[in-house]
Amino acid sequence: MRANEVPTEEIRRDPAAFADRVTADGRLDRRAEAGRYRLVVSRACPWAHRVVITRRLMGLERAVSLAVADPRQEIIGGEPHWVFTEETGSPGGLDPVLGVHALREAYLARDPGYTGGVSVPGLVDVDSGHLVSNDYDRLALDMATEWGGLVREGAPDLYPEPLREEIDAVGAEVYRDLNNGVYRAGFAPDQERYDAAVTAVFDRLDALEERLAGRRYLVGDTVTMADVRLFPTLVRFDAVYHGHFKCNVRKLSEYPALWAYARDLFQTPGFGDTVEFDHIRVHYYWVHTGINPTRVVARGPDPRGWLAPHRRADLGGSPFGTGTAPGPVPEGERVPAPA
């Protein structure tokens, strides 16, 4: 099912089309080298967002350049595609580094016979123009654990060995019921499957509210991949999932602990400074014509609520543990502050 089609069956996610691993020693598929790769993302996409957050927390901005696609996908060959435009900083509608208009060109450079879907994030080899990987979860994990000397001094341990089993267990539940659950609700083809999906969404939110009432972070006393995986869904919840995807039993802002937790992360360097609400709202409401055929884009909610005090520090813990916060956002990657 494509984003511009009326849902006729339950949404199913295809496995990553390309999933080469990038590591410091190159022992698996490719070697991590500064300047060799370009990360293509949409600021609207929650799956790409977790990789953008990880790249920023680990200080990989100079090692891996960033290309931001337009939130409005372009119909090419009857299907919506991620493209580069003047509006998002690509002169002449071509990415200034890769020289392509659509991300699909990197897929076809890798495999000229490829006929599958095209998704972000996409890690592209700059020299060859080939797509390296569109496996969002593996890309984030490898940036957090496998990029060796390219990460910044003071970078946090987002995937500590003693907590990995718990991080992955929490992540699996969050993915099933919430990360992917909002899409199952939004693109449900009938009432029965909508009811099942939306019930799972709010059962998971209720469970997270209870879990976070007495602890600052999902797992352990610092930010981990568990938080990185959850935040992109939470930051989009009231803006698009509540209305556009009909997940309207409650708003995120009606959960005291979960809303404070989300604001705590938003105000932590590496999280809120990677959020662009306009891209989020425009993409969902404009592209998903199967469920919003008028393309009318909702105006709210007021994003300034994300800057309200959260008082989560009273629960203990520290976002970066013995590490430090990332430095300033690079000049060309800054997003508008909530206003």
C-alpha atoms as a PDB file:
ATOM      1  CA  MET A   1       0.000   0.000   0.000  1.00  0.00           C
ATOM      2  CA  ARG A   2       1.286   3.459  -0.962  1.00  0.00           C
ATOM      3  CA  ALA A   3       0.715   6.661   1.002  1.00  0.00           C
ATOM      4  CA  ASN A   4      -1.563   8.059  -1.701  1.00  0.00           C
ATOM      5  CA  GLU A   5      -3.856   5.019  -1.856  1.00  0.00           C
ATOM      6  CA  VAL A   6      -7.105   4.345  -0.011  1.00  0.00           C
ATOM      7  CA  PRO A   7      -6.392   1.531   2.483  1.00  0.00           C
ATOM      8  CA  THR A   8      -7.809  -1.813   1.371  1.00  0.00           C
ATOM      9  CA  GLU A   9      -5.727  -4.102   3.585  1.00  0.00           C
ATOM     10  CA  GLU A  10      -3.775  -3.862   6.833  1.00  0.00           C
ATOM     11  CA  ILE A  11      -0.461  -2.060   6.503  1.00  0.00           C
ATOM     12  CA  ARG A  12       2.584  -4.328   6.338  1.00  0.00           C
ATOM     13  CA  ARG A  13       6.150  -3.137   6.361  1.00  0.00           C
ATOM     14  CA  ASP A  14       8.619  -4.651   3.941  1.00  0.00           C
ATOM     15  CA  PRO A  15      12.067  -5.601   5.250  1.00  0.00           C
ATOM     16  CA  ALA A  16      14.922  -3.267   4.347  1.00  0.00           C
ATOM     17  CA  ALA A  17      15.744  -3.555   0.656  1.00  0.00           C
ATOM     18  CA  PHE A  18      19.449  -2.967   1.280  1.00  0.00           C
ATOM     19  CA  ALA A  19      21.133  -3.454   4.629  1.00  0.00           C
ATOM     20  CA  ASP A  20      24.917  -3.258   4.303  1.00  0.00           C
ATOM     21  CA  ARG A  21      26.573  -2.791   7.679  1.00  0.00           C
ATOM     22  CA  VAL A  22      29.042   0.060   8.246  1.00  0.00           C
ATOM     23  CA  THR A  23      31.625  -0.456  10.990  1.00  0.00           C
ATOM     24  CA  ALA A  24      34.888   1.169  12.055  1.00  0.00           C
ATOM     25  CA  ASP A  25      36.940  -1.867  10.988  1.00  0.00           C
ATOM     26  CA  GLY A  26      34.888  -2.796   7.928  1.00  0.00           C
ATOM     27  CA  ARG A  27      34.634  -6.382   9.176  1.00  0.00           C
ATOM     28  CA  LEU A  28      31.052  -6.838   7.960  1.00  0.00           C
ATOM     29  CA  ASP A  29      30.322  -4.954   4.736  1.00  0.00           C
ATOM     30  CA  ARG A  30      31.749  -1.432   4.624  1.00  0.00           C
ATOM     31  CA  ARG A  31      34.182   0.707   6.574  1.00  0.00           C
ATOM     32  CA  ALA A  32      33.103   3.863   8.416  1.00  0.00           C
ATOM     33  CA  GLU A  33      35.046   6.732   6.871  1.00  0.00           C
ATOM     34  CA  ALA A  34      34.537  10.460   7.303  1.00  0.00           C
ATOM     35  CA  GLY A  35      32.946  12.000   4.225  1.00  0.00           C
ATOM     36  CA  ARG A  36      32.242   8.701   2.497  1.00  0.00           C
ATOM     37  CA  TYR A  37      28.498   8.586   3.207  1.00  0.00           C
ATOM     38  CA  ARG A  38      25.520  10.917   2.979  1.00  0.00           C
ATOM     39  CA  LEU A  39      22.410  10.334   5.068  1.00  0.00           C
ATOM     40  CA  VAL A  40      19.191  11.100   3.193  1.00  0.00           C
ATOM     41  CA  VAL A  41      16.211  11.782   5.468  1.00  0.00           C
ATOM     42  CA  SER A  42      12.860  13.440   5.727  1.00  0.00           C
ATOM     43  CA  ARG A  43      12.315  15.595   8.801  1.00  0.00           C
ATOM     44  CA  ALA A  44       8.758  14.230   8.770  1.00  0.00           C
ATOM     45  CA  CYS A  45       9.619  10.534   8.972  1.00  0.00           C
ATOM     46  CA  PRO A  46       9.796   8.948  12.458  1.00  0.00           C
ATOM     47  CA  TRP A  47      11.960   6.057  11.227  1.00  0.00           C
ATOM     48  CA  ALA A  48      14.527   8.459   9.777  1.00  0.00           C
ATOM     49  CA  HIS A  49      14.267  10.617  12.879  1.00  0.00           C
ATOM     50  CA  ARG A  50      15.794   8.000  15.182  1.00  0.00           C
ATOM     51  CA  VAL A  51      18.881   7.883  12.927  1.00  0.00           C
ATOM     52  CA  VAL A  52      19.106  11.691  12.857  1.00  0.00           C
ATOM     53  CA  ILE A  53      18.945  11.773  16.677  1.00  0.00           C
ATOM     54  CA  THR A  54      21.620   9.088  16.997  1.00  0.00           C
ATOM     55  CA  ARG A  55      23.918  10.833  14.510  1.00  0.00           C
ATOM     56  CA  ARG A  56      23.602  14.058  16.505  1.00  0.00           C
ATOM     57  CA  LEU A  57      24.072  12.480  19.947  1.00  0.00           C
ATOM     58  CA  MET A  58      27.169  10.638  18.743  1.00  0.00           C
ATOM     59  CA  GLY A  59      28.605  13.763  17.109  1.00  0.00           C
ATOM     60  CA  LEU A  60      28.765  12.286  13.617  1.00  0.00           C
ATOM     61  CA  GLU A  61      27.624  15.422  11.792  1.00  0.00           C
ATOM     62  CA  ARG A  62      31.049  16.061  10.246  1.00  0.00           C
ATOM     63  CA  ALA A  63      31.606  12.420   9.379  1.00  0.00           C
ATOM     64  CA  VAL A  64      28.214  11.841   7.702  1.00  0.00           C
ATOM     65  CA  SER A  65      26.617  14.697   5.792  1.00  0.00           C
ATOM     66  CA  LEU A  66      22.849  15.194   5.860  1.00  0.00           C
ATOM     67  CA  ALA A  67      20.454  15.583   2.933  1.00  0.00           C
ATOM     68  CA  VAL A  68      16.876  16.621   3.742  1.00  0.00           C
ATOM     69  CA  ALA A  69      14.122  15.697   1.299  1.00  0.00           C
ATOM     70  CA  ASP A  70      11.031  17.799   0.722  1.00  0.00           C
ATOM     71  CA  PRO A  71       8.123  16.786   3.002  1.00  0.00           C
ATOM     72  CA  ARG A  72       5.875  16.777  -0.076  1.00  0.00           C
ATOM     73  CA  GLN A  73       6.635  13.634  -2.013  1.00  0.00           C
ATOM     74  CA  GLU A  74       6.538  13.795  -5.802  1.00  0.00           C
ATOM     75  CA  ILE A  75       4.576  11.299  -7.891  1.00  0.00           C
ATOM     76  CA  ILE A  76       7.022   9.517 -10.208  1.00  0.00           C
ATOM     77  CA  GLY A  77       5.804   6.546 -12.189  1.00  0.00           C
ATOM     78  CA  GLY A  78       2.538   6.618 -10.279  1.00  0.00           C
ATOM     79  CA  GLU A  79       4.178   6.341  -6.844  1.00  0.00           C
ATOM     80  CA  PRO A  80       5.150   8.969  -4.246  1.00  0.00           C
ATOM     81  CA  HIS A  81       8.906   9.523  -3.974  1.00  0.00           C
ATOM     82  CA  TRP A  82      11.259  11.449  -1.721  1.00  0.00           C
ATOM     83  CA  VAL A  83      12.777  14.283  -3.749  1.00  0.00           C
ATOM     84  CA  PHE A  84      15.069  17.266  -3.317  1.00  0.00           C
ATOM     85  CA  THR A  85      13.722  20.754  -4.016  1.00  0.00           C
ATOM     86  CA  GLU A  86      14.745  24.388  -3.855  1.00  0.00           C
ATOM     87  CA  GLU A  87      12.479  24.799  -0.807  1.00  0.00           C
ATOM     88  CA  THR A  88      14.569  22.361   1.229  1.00  0.00           C
ATOM     89  CA  GLY A  89      17.962  23.687   0.184  1.00  0.00           C
ATOM     90  CA  SER A  90      18.701  21.835  -3.056  1.00  0.00           C
ATOM     91  CA  PRO A  91      19.428  24.290  -5.916  1.00  0.00           C
ATOM     92  CA  GLY A  92      17.786  23.253  -9.139  1.00  0.00           C
ATOM     93  CA  GLY A  93      15.999  20.403  -7.394  1.00  0.00           C
ATOM     94  CA  LEU A  94      19.196  18.338  -7.175  1.00  0.00           C
ATOM     95  CA  ASP A  95      20.977  17.295  -4.003  1.00  0.00           C
ATOM     96  CA  PRO A  96      24.212  19.339  -4.080  1.00  0.00           C
ATOM     97  CA  VAL A  97      26.383  16.370  -3.075  1.00  0.00           C
ATOM     98  CA  LEU A  98      24.752  13.383  -4.782  1.00  0.00           C
ATOM     99  CA  GLY A  99      23.502  15.273  -7.817  1.00  0.00           C
ATOM    100  CA  VAL A 100      20.161  13.446  -7.849  1.00  0.00           C
ATOM    101  CA  HIS A 101      16.570  14.685  -7.735  1.00  0.00           C
ATOM    102  CA  ALA A 102      14.968  11.613  -6.149  1.00  0.00           C
ATOM    103  CA  LEU A 103      16.304   9.147  -3.609  1.00  0.00           C
ATOM    104  CA  ARG A 104      15.158   6.323  -5.870  1.00  0.00           C
ATOM    105  CA  GLU A 105      18.105   7.152  -8.153  1.00  0.00           C
ATOM    106  CA  ALA A 106      20.458   5.836  -5.456  1.00  0.00           C
ATOM    107  CA  TYR A 107      18.409   2.644  -5.239  1.00  0.00           C
ATOM    108  CA  LEU A 108      18.624   2.199  -9.006  1.00  0.00           C
ATOM    109  CA  ALA A 109      22.336   2.975  -9.013  1.00  0.00           C
ATOM    110  CA  ARG A 110      22.776   0.089  -6.594  1.00  0.00           C
ATOM    111  CA  ASP A 111      20.398  -2.228  -8.477  1.00  0.00           C
ATOM    112  CA  PRO A 112      19.154  -1.082 -11.900  1.00  0.00           C
ATOM    113  CA  GLY A 113      16.450  -3.750 -11.800  1.00  0.00           C
ATOM    114  CA  TYR A 114      15.045  -2.690  -8.422  1.00  0.00           C
ATOM    115  CA  THR A 115      11.246  -2.332  -8.442  1.00  0.00           C
ATOM    116  CA  GLY A 116      10.415  -2.149  -4.727  1.00  0.00           C
ATOM    117  CA  GLY A 117       9.517   0.763  -2.510  1.00  0.00           C
ATOM    118  CA  VAL A 118      11.823   3.645  -1.617  1.00  0.00           C
ATOM    119  CA  SER A 119      12.047   4.754   2.007  1.00  0.00           C
ATOM    120  CA  VAL A 120      14.030   7.042   4.253  1.00  0.00           C
ATOM    121  CA  PRO A 121      16.472   7.035   5.858  1.00  0.00           C
ATOM    122  CA  GLY A 122      18.861   6.089   3.108  1.00  0.00           C
ATOM    123  CA  LEU A 123      22.601   5.943   3.645  1.00  0.00           C
ATOM    124  CA  VAL A 124      24.293   6.593   0.300  1.00  0.00           C
ATOM    125  CA  ASP A 125      27.919   6.048  -0.754  1.00  0.00           C
ATOM    126  CA  VAL A 126      28.960   9.456  -2.076  1.00  0.00           C
ATOM    127  CA  ASP A 127      31.533   8.241  -4.607  1.00  0.00           C
ATOM    128  CA  SER A 128      29.424   5.548  -6.259  1.00  0.00           C
ATOM    129  CA  GLY A 129      25.989   7.047  -5.624  1.00  0.00           C
ATOM    130  CA  HIS A 130      24.823   3.606  -4.485  1.00  0.00           C
ATOM    131  CA  LEU A 131      22.368   3.143  -1.639  1.00  0.00           C
ATOM    132  CA  VAL A 132      24.159   1.379   1.216  1.00  0.00           C
ATOM    133  CA  SER A 133      21.250   0.785   3.585  1.00  0.00           C
ATOM    134  CA  ASN A 134      17.674   1.791   4.325  1.00  0.00           C
ATOM    135  CA  ASP A 135      17.577  -0.314   7.514  1.00  0.00           C
ATOM    136  CA  TYR A 136      16.699   2.443   9.981  1.00  0.00           C
ATOM    137  CA  ASP A 137      17.096   0.439  13.170  1.00  0.00           C
ATOM    138  CA  ARG A 138      20.432  -1.111  12.198  1.00  0.00           C
ATOM    139  CA  LEU A 139      21.754   2.231  10.975  1.00  0.00           C
ATOM    140  CA  ALA A 140      20.974   3.825  14.347  1.00  0.00           C
ATOM    141  CA  LEU A 141      22.438   0.928  16.326  1.00  0.00           C
ATOM    142  CA  ASP A 142      25.613   0.870  14.266  1.00  0.00           C
ATOM    143  CA  MET A 143      26.122   4.623  14.556  1.00  0.00           C
ATOM    144  CA  ALA A 144      25.735   4.230  18.311  1.00  0.00           C
ATOM    145  CA  THR A 145      28.122   1.286  18.666  1.00  0.00           C
ATOM    146  CA  GLU A 146      30.260   0.664  15.566  1.00  0.00           C
ATOM    147  CA  TRP A 147      31.625   3.957  14.257  1.00  0.00           C
ATOM    148  CA  GLY A 148      34.665   3.943  16.545  1.00  0.00           C
ATOM    149  CA  GLY A 149      36.957   6.965  16.412  1.00  0.00           C
ATOM    150  CA  LEU A 150      34.543   9.017  14.318  1.00  0.00           C
ATOM    151  CA  VAL A 151      32.194   9.638  17.248  1.00  0.00           C
ATOM    152  CA  ARG A 152      32.740  12.710  19.389  1.00  0.00           C
ATOM    153  CA  GLU A 153      34.551  12.782  22.699  1.00  0.00           C
ATOM    154  CA  GLY A 154      31.980  12.472  25.497  1.00  0.00           C
ATOM    155  CA  ALA A 155      29.411  10.660  23.326  1.00  0.00           C
ATOM    156  CA  PRO A 156      26.873   8.697  25.413  1.00  0.00           C
ATOM    157  CA  ASP A 157      26.598   4.926  25.531  1.00  0.00           C
ATOM    158  CA  LEU A 158      23.168   4.536  23.976  1.00  0.00           C
ATOM    159  CA  TYR A 159      23.256   0.750  23.953  1.00  0.00           C
ATOM    160  CA  PRO A 160      25.107  -0.424  27.075  1.00  0.00           C
ATOM    161  CA  GLU A 161      25.858  -4.133  27.127  1.00  0.00           C
ATOM    162  CA  PRO A 162      24.204  -4.901  30.511  1.00  0.00           C
ATOM    163  CA  LEU A 163      20.920  -3.255  29.404  1.00  0.00           C
ATOM    164  CA  ARG A 164      20.647  -4.455  25.809  1.00  0.00           C
ATOM    165  CA  GLU A 165      18.170  -7.229  26.482  1.00  0.00           C
ATOM    166  CA  GLU A 166      15.829  -4.870  28.339  1.00  0.00           C
ATOM    167  CA  ILE A 167      16.275  -2.095  25.763  1.00  0.00           C
ATOM    168  CA  ASP A 168      15.327  -4.468  22.964  1.00  0.00           C
ATOM    169  CA  ALA A 169      12.396  -5.980  24.873  1.00  0.00           C
ATOM    170  CA  VAL A 170      10.943  -2.523  25.581  1.00  0.00           C
ATOM    171  CA  GLY A 171      11.653  -1.467  22.011  1.00  0.00           C
ATOM    172  CA  ALA A 172       9.832  -4.480  20.573  1.00  0.00           C
ATOM    173  CA  GLU A 173       6.681  -3.704  22.559  1.00  0.00           C
ATOM    174  CA  VAL A 174       6.829  -0.020  21.675  1.00  0.00           C
ATOM    175  CA  TYR A 175       7.329  -0.810  17.994  1.00  0.00           C
ATOM    176  CA  ARG A 176       4.482  -3.326  17.830  1.00  0.00           C
ATOM    177  CA  ASP A 177       1.855  -1.295  19.646  1.00  0.00           C
ATOM    178  CA  LEU A 178       2.899   2.330  19.206  1.00  0.00           C
ATOM    179  CA  ASN A 179       5.572   3.131  16.581  1.00  0.00           C
ATOM    180  CA  ASN A 180       3.848   0.928  14.022  1.00  0.00           C
ATOM    181  CA  GLY A 181       0.511   0.824  15.845  1.00  0.00           C
ATOM    182  CA  VAL A 182      -0.381   4.410  14.974  1.00  0.00           C
ATOM    183  CA  TYR A 183       0.049   3.535  11.288  1.00  0.00           C
ATOM    184  CA  ARG A 184      -2.085   0.423  11.669  1.00  0.00           C
ATOM    185  CA  ALA A 185      -4.802   2.638  13.134  1.00  0.00           C
ATOM    186  CA  GLY A 186      -4.400   5.461  10.614  1.00  0.00           C
ATOM    187  CA  PHE A 187      -4.425   3.185   7.584  1.00  0.00           C
ATOM    188  CA  ALA A 188      -6.891   0.616   8.914  1.00  0.00           C
ATOM    189  CA  PRO A 189      -9.077  -0.696   6.072  1.00  0.00           C
ATOM    190  CA  ASP A 190     -12.072  -1.384   8.311  1.00  0.00           C
ATOM    191  CA  GLN A 191     -13.552  -0.721  11.745  1.00  0.00           C
ATOM    192  CA  GLU A 192     -12.476  -4.024  13.281  1.00  0.00           C
ATOM    193  CA  ARG A 193      -8.811  -3.550  12.498  1.00  0.00           C
ATOM    194  CA  TYR A 194      -8.912   0.103  13.498  1.00  0.00           C
ATOM    195  CA  ASP A 195     -10.441  -0.810  16.876  1.00  0.00           C
ATOM    196  CA  ALA A 196      -7.759  -3.435  17.505  1.00  0.00           C
ATOM    197  CA  ALA A 197      -4.926  -1.102  16.536  1.00  0.00           C
ATOM    198  CA  VAL A 198      -6.113   1.950  18.451  1.00  0.00           C
ATOM    199  CA  THR A 199      -6.743  -0.165  21.571  1.00  0.00           C
ATOM    200  CA  ALA A 200      -3.152  -1.422  21.426  1.00  0.00           C
ATOM    201  CA  VAL A 201      -1.860   2.145  20.978  1.00  0.00           C
ATOM    202  CA  PHE A 202      -3.500   3.395  24.145  1.00  0.00           C
ATOM    203  CA  ASP A 203      -2.803   0.245  26.146  1.00  0.00           C
ATOM    204  CA  ARG A 204       0.881   0.859  25.389  1.00  0.00           C
ATOM    205  CA  LEU A 205       0.672   4.548  26.227  1.00  0.00           C
ATOM    206  CA  ASP A 206      -1.022   3.648  29.519  1.00  0.00           C
ATOM    207  CA  ALA A 207       1.748   1.162  30.302  1.00  0.00           C
ATOM    208  CA  LEU A 208       4.428   3.735  29.475  1.00  0.00           C
ATOM    209  CA  GLU A 209       2.702   6.294  31.704  1.00  0.00           C
ATOM    210  CA  GLU A 210       2.893   3.848  34.586  1.00  0.00           C
ATOM    211  CA  ARG A 211       6.521   2.917  33.849  1.00  0.00           C
ATOM    212  CA  LEU A 212       7.689   6.531  33.619  1.00  0.00           C
ATOM    213  CA  ALA A 213       5.859   7.794  36.693  1.00  0.00           C
ATOM    214  CA  GLY A 214       8.803   6.875  38.902  1.00  0.00           C
ATOM    215  CA  ARG A 215      11.798   6.838  36.570  1.00  0.00           C
ATOM    216  CA  ARG A 216      13.285   9.468  34.303  1.00  0.00           C
ATOM    217  CA  TYR A 217      14.181   7.254  31.336  1.00  0.00           C
ATOM    218  CA  LEU A 218      12.770   4.050  29.901  1.00  0.00           C
ATOM    219  CA  VAL A 219      15.753   1.835  30.748  1.00  0.00           C
ATOM    220  CA  GLY A 220      18.487   2.706  33.218  1.00  0.00           C
ATOM    221  CA  ASP A 221      19.429   6.165  34.464  1.00  0.00           C
ATOM    222  CA  THR A 222      20.505   7.710  31.162  1.00  0.00           C
ATOM    223  CA  VAL A 223      19.218   8.153  27.625  1.00  0.00           C
ATOM    224  CA  THR A 224      19.410   4.883  25.668  1.00  0.00           C
ATOM    225  CA  MET A 225      18.205   3.555  22.333  1.00  0.00           C
ATOM    226  CA  ALA A 226      14.905   2.778  24.061  1.00  0.00           C
ATOM    227  CA  ASP A 227      14.275   6.527  24.397  1.00  0.00           C
ATOM    228  CA  VAL A 228      15.589   7.253  20.901  1.00  0.00           C
ATOM    229  CA  ARG A 229      13.098   4.732  19.485  1.00  0.00           C
ATOM    230  CA  LEU A 230      10.129   6.124  21.414  1.00  0.00           C
ATOM    231  CA  PHE A 231      10.632   9.877  21.095  1.00  0.00           C
ATOM    232  CA  PRO A 232       9.919  10.259  17.338  1.00  0.00           C
ATOM    233  CA  THR A 233       6.448   8.779  17.822  1.00  0.00           C
ATOM    234  CA  LEU A 234       5.675  10.876  20.889  1.00  0.00           C
ATOM    235  CA  VAL A 235       6.749  14.146  19.281  1.00  0.00           C
ATOM    236  CA  ARG A 236       4.402  13.477  16.353  1.00  0.00           C
ATOM    237  CA  PHE A 237       1.499  12.220  18.420  1.00  0.00           C
ATOM    238  CA  ASP A 238      -0.589  15.306  19.122  1.00  0.00           C
ATOM    239  CA  ALA A 239       0.465  17.008  15.870  1.00  0.00           C
ATOM    240  CA  VAL A 240      -0.588  14.249  13.459  1.00  0.00           C
ATOM    241  CA  TYR A 241      -1.419  10.876  15.003  1.00  0.00           C
ATOM    242  CA  HIS A 242      -4.177  12.172  17.280  1.00  0.00           C
ATOM    243  CA  GLY A 243      -6.201  13.715  14.449  1.00  0.00           C
ATOM    244  CA  HIS A 244      -4.899  12.476  11.112  1.00  0.00           C
ATOM    245  CA  PHE A 245      -4.533   8.845  12.239  1.00  0.00           C
ATOM    246  CA  LYS A 246      -7.635   8.922  14.490  1.00  0.00           C
ATOM    247  CA  CYS A 247      -5.650   8.033  17.627  1.00  0.00           C
ATOM    248  CA  ASN A 248      -7.856  10.399  19.583  1.00  0.00           C
ATOM    249  CA  VAL A 249      -8.786   8.561  22.777  1.00  0.00           C
ATOM    250  CA  ARG A 250      -6.379  10.848  24.611  1.00  0.00           C
ATOM    251  CA  LYS A 251      -3.676  13.332  23.697  1.00  0.00           C
ATOM    252  CA  LEU A 252      -0.072  12.861  24.757  1.00  0.00           C
ATOM    253  CA  SER A 253      -0.461  16.091  26.707  1.00  0.00           C
ATOM    254  CA  GLU A 254      -3.136  14.372  28.843  1.00  0.00           C
ATOM    255  CA  TYR A 255      -0.608  11.872  30.231  1.00  0.00           C
ATOM    256  CA  PRO A 256       1.179  13.663  33.116  1.00  0.00           C
ATOM    257  CA  ALA A 257       4.303  11.476  33.340  1.00  0.00           C
ATOM    258  CA  LEU A 258       4.623  10.642  29.639  1.00  0.00           C
ATOM    259  CA  TRP A 259       4.109  14.251  28.553  1.00  0.00           C
ATOM    260  CA  ALA A 260       6.713  15.473  31.049  1.00  0.00           C
ATOM    261  CA  TYR A 261       9.102  12.721  29.882  1.00  0.00           C
ATOM    262  CA  ALA A 262       8.627  13.765  26.255  1.00  0.00           C
ATOM    263  CA  ARG A 263       9.278  17.431  27.118  1.00  0.00           C
ATOM    264  CA  ASP A 264      12.391  16.420  29.055  1.00  0.00           C
ATOM    265  CA  LEU A 265      13.754  14.678  25.962  1.00  0.00           C
ATOM    266  CA  PHE A 266      12.673  17.525  23.665  1.00  0.00           C
ATOM    267  CA  GLN A 267      14.657  19.963  25.797  1.00  0.00           C
ATOM    268  CA  THR A 268      17.711  17.678  25.757  1.00  0.00           C
ATOM    269  CA  PRO A 269      20.275  18.524  23.032  1.00  0.00           C
ATOM    270  CA  GLY A 270      19.968  16.023  20.200  1.00  0.00           C
ATOM    271  CA  PHE A 271      16.200  15.592  20.444  1.00  0.00           C
ATOM    272  CA  GLY A 272      14.165  18.785  20.123  1.00  0.00           C
ATOM    273  CA  ASP A 273      16.813  20.427  17.960  1.00  0.00           C
ATOM    274  CA  THR A 274      16.139  17.771  15.302  1.00  0.00           C
ATOM    275  CA  VAL A 275      12.345  18.330  15.192  1.00  0.00           C
ATOM    276  CA  GLU A 276      10.713  20.385  12.437  1.00  0.00           C
ATOM    277  CA  PHE A 277       6.979  20.493  13.095  1.00  0.00           C
ATOM    278  CA  ASP A 278       6.094  22.142   9.785  1.00  0.00           C
ATOM    279  CA  HIS A 279       7.663  19.276   7.836  1.00  0.00           C
ATOM    280  CA  ILE A 280       5.798  16.769  10.001  1.00  0.00           C
ATOM    281  CA  ARG A 281       2.377  18.339   9.554  1.00  0.00           C
ATOM    282  CA  VAL A 282       2.795  19.089   5.850  1.00  0.00           C
ATOM    283  CA  HIS A 283       3.998  15.603   4.969  1.00  0.00           C
ATOM    284  CA  TYR A 284       1.298  13.646   6.741  1.00  0.00           C
ATOM    285  CA  TYR A 285      -1.658  15.815   5.743  1.00  0.00           C
ATOM    286  CA  TRP A 286      -0.470  16.589   2.211  1.00  0.00           C
ATOM    287  CA  VAL A 287       0.927  13.225   1.089  1.00  0.00           C
ATOM    288  CA  HIS A 288      -1.630  10.808   2.587  1.00  0.00           C
ATOM    289  CA  THR A 289      -4.370  11.603   0.086  1.00  0.00           C
ATOM    290  CA  GLY A 290      -5.918   8.179   0.600  1.00  0.00           C
ATOM    291  CA  ILE A 291      -7.100   9.321   4.036  1.00  0.00           C
ATOM    292  CA  ASN A 292      -6.963  13.116   3.525  1.00  0.00           C
ATOM    293  CA  PRO A 293      -7.942  13.735  -0.102  1.00  0.00           C
ATOM    294  CA  THR A 294      -8.328  17.521   0.298  1.00  0.00           C
ATOM    295  CA  ARG A 295      -4.701  17.922   1.438  1.00  0.00           C
ATOM    296  CA  VAL A 296      -5.840  20.491   3.998  1.00  0.00           C
ATOM    297  CA  VAL A 297      -3.032  20.754   6.564  1.00  0.00           C
ATOM    298  CA  ALA A 298      -4.013  21.143  10.220  1.00  0.00           C
ATOM    299  CA  ARG A 299      -2.611  24.209  11.949  1.00  0.00           C
ATOM    300  CA  GLY A 300      -2.053  23.071  15.547  1.00  0.00           C
ATOM    301  CA  PRO A 301      -1.201  22.285  18.204  1.00  0.00           C
ATOM    302  CA  ASP A 302       0.878  25.160  19.572  1.00  0.00           C
ATOM    303  CA  PRO A 303       4.459  23.780  19.748  1.00  0.00           C
ATOM    304  CA  ARG A 304       5.501  26.152  22.533  1.00  0.00           C
ATOM    305  CA  GLY A 305       4.076  23.675  25.048  1.00  0.00           C
ATOM    306  CA  TRP A 306       7.170  21.538  24.437  1.00  0.00           C
ATOM    307  CA  LEU A 307       9.247  24.190  26.211  1.00  0.00           C
ATOM    308  CA  ALA A 308       7.251  24.115  29.478  1.00  0.00           C
ATOM    309  CA  PRO A 309       9.142  23.023  32.633  1.00  0.00           C
ATOM    310  CA  HIS A 310       9.086  19.254  33.187  1.00  0.00           C
ATOM    311  CA  ARG A 311      10.790  18.750  36.583  1.00  0.00           C
ATOM    312  CA  ARG A 312      11.907  15.255  35.553  1.00  0.00           C
ATOM    313  CA  ALA A 313      15.381  15.843  36.978  1.00  0.00           C
ATOM    314  CA  ASP A 314      13.814  15.336  40.414  1.00  0.00           C
ATOM    315  CA  LEU A 315      13.611  11.631  39.577  1.00  0.00           C
ATOM    316  CA  GLY A 316      17.406  11.381  39.312  1.00  0.00           C
ATOM    317  CA  GLY A 317      19.464  10.202  36.406  1.00  0.00           C
ATOM    318  CA  SER A 318      21.356  12.241  33.854  1.00  0.00           C
ATOM    319  CA  PRO A 319      20.789  12.249  30.089  1.00  0.00           C
ATOM    320  CA  PHE A 320      24.384  11.524  29.107  1.00  0.00           C
ATOM    321  CA  GLY A 321      25.696   9.749  32.203  1.00  0.00           C
ATOM    322  CA  THR A 322      29.443  10.362  32.439  1.00  0.00           C
ATOM    323  CA  GLY A 323      29.411  11.794  28.917  1.00  0.00           C
ATOM    324  CA  THR A 324      28.538  15.270  27.702  1.00  0.00           C
ATOM    325  CA  ALA A 325      25.887  16.959  25.597  1.00  0.00           C
ATOM    326  CA  PRO A 326      26.514  17.358  21.871  1.00  0.00           C
ATOM    327  CA  GLY A 327      27.740  20.729  20.665  1.00  0.00           C
ATOM    328  CA  PRO A 328      25.773  23.310  18.694  1.00  0.00           C
ATOM    329  CA  VAL A 329      23.743  22.182  15.706  1.00  0.00           C
ATOM    330  CA  PRO A 330      25.718  22.753  12.476  1.00  0.00           C
ATOM    331  CA  GLU A 331      24.718  25.916  10.647  1.00  0.00           C
ATOM    332  CA  GLY A 332      22.997  24.218   7.739  1.00  0.00           C
ATOM    333  CA  GLU A 333      21.024  21.780   9.887  1.00  0.00           C
ATOM    334  CA  ARG A 334      19.239  24.096  12.290  1.00  0.00           C
ATOM    335  CA  VAL A 335      15.470  23.767  12.603  1.00  0.00           C
ATOM    336  CA  PRO A 336      13.043  26.512  13.661  1.00  0.00           C
ATOM    337  CA  ALA A 337      12.493  26.806  17.410  1.00  0.00           C
ATOM    338  CA  PRO A 338       8.895  26.323  18.619  1.00  0.00           C
ATOM    339  CA  ALA A 339       7.118  29.655  18.275  1.00  0.00           C
END
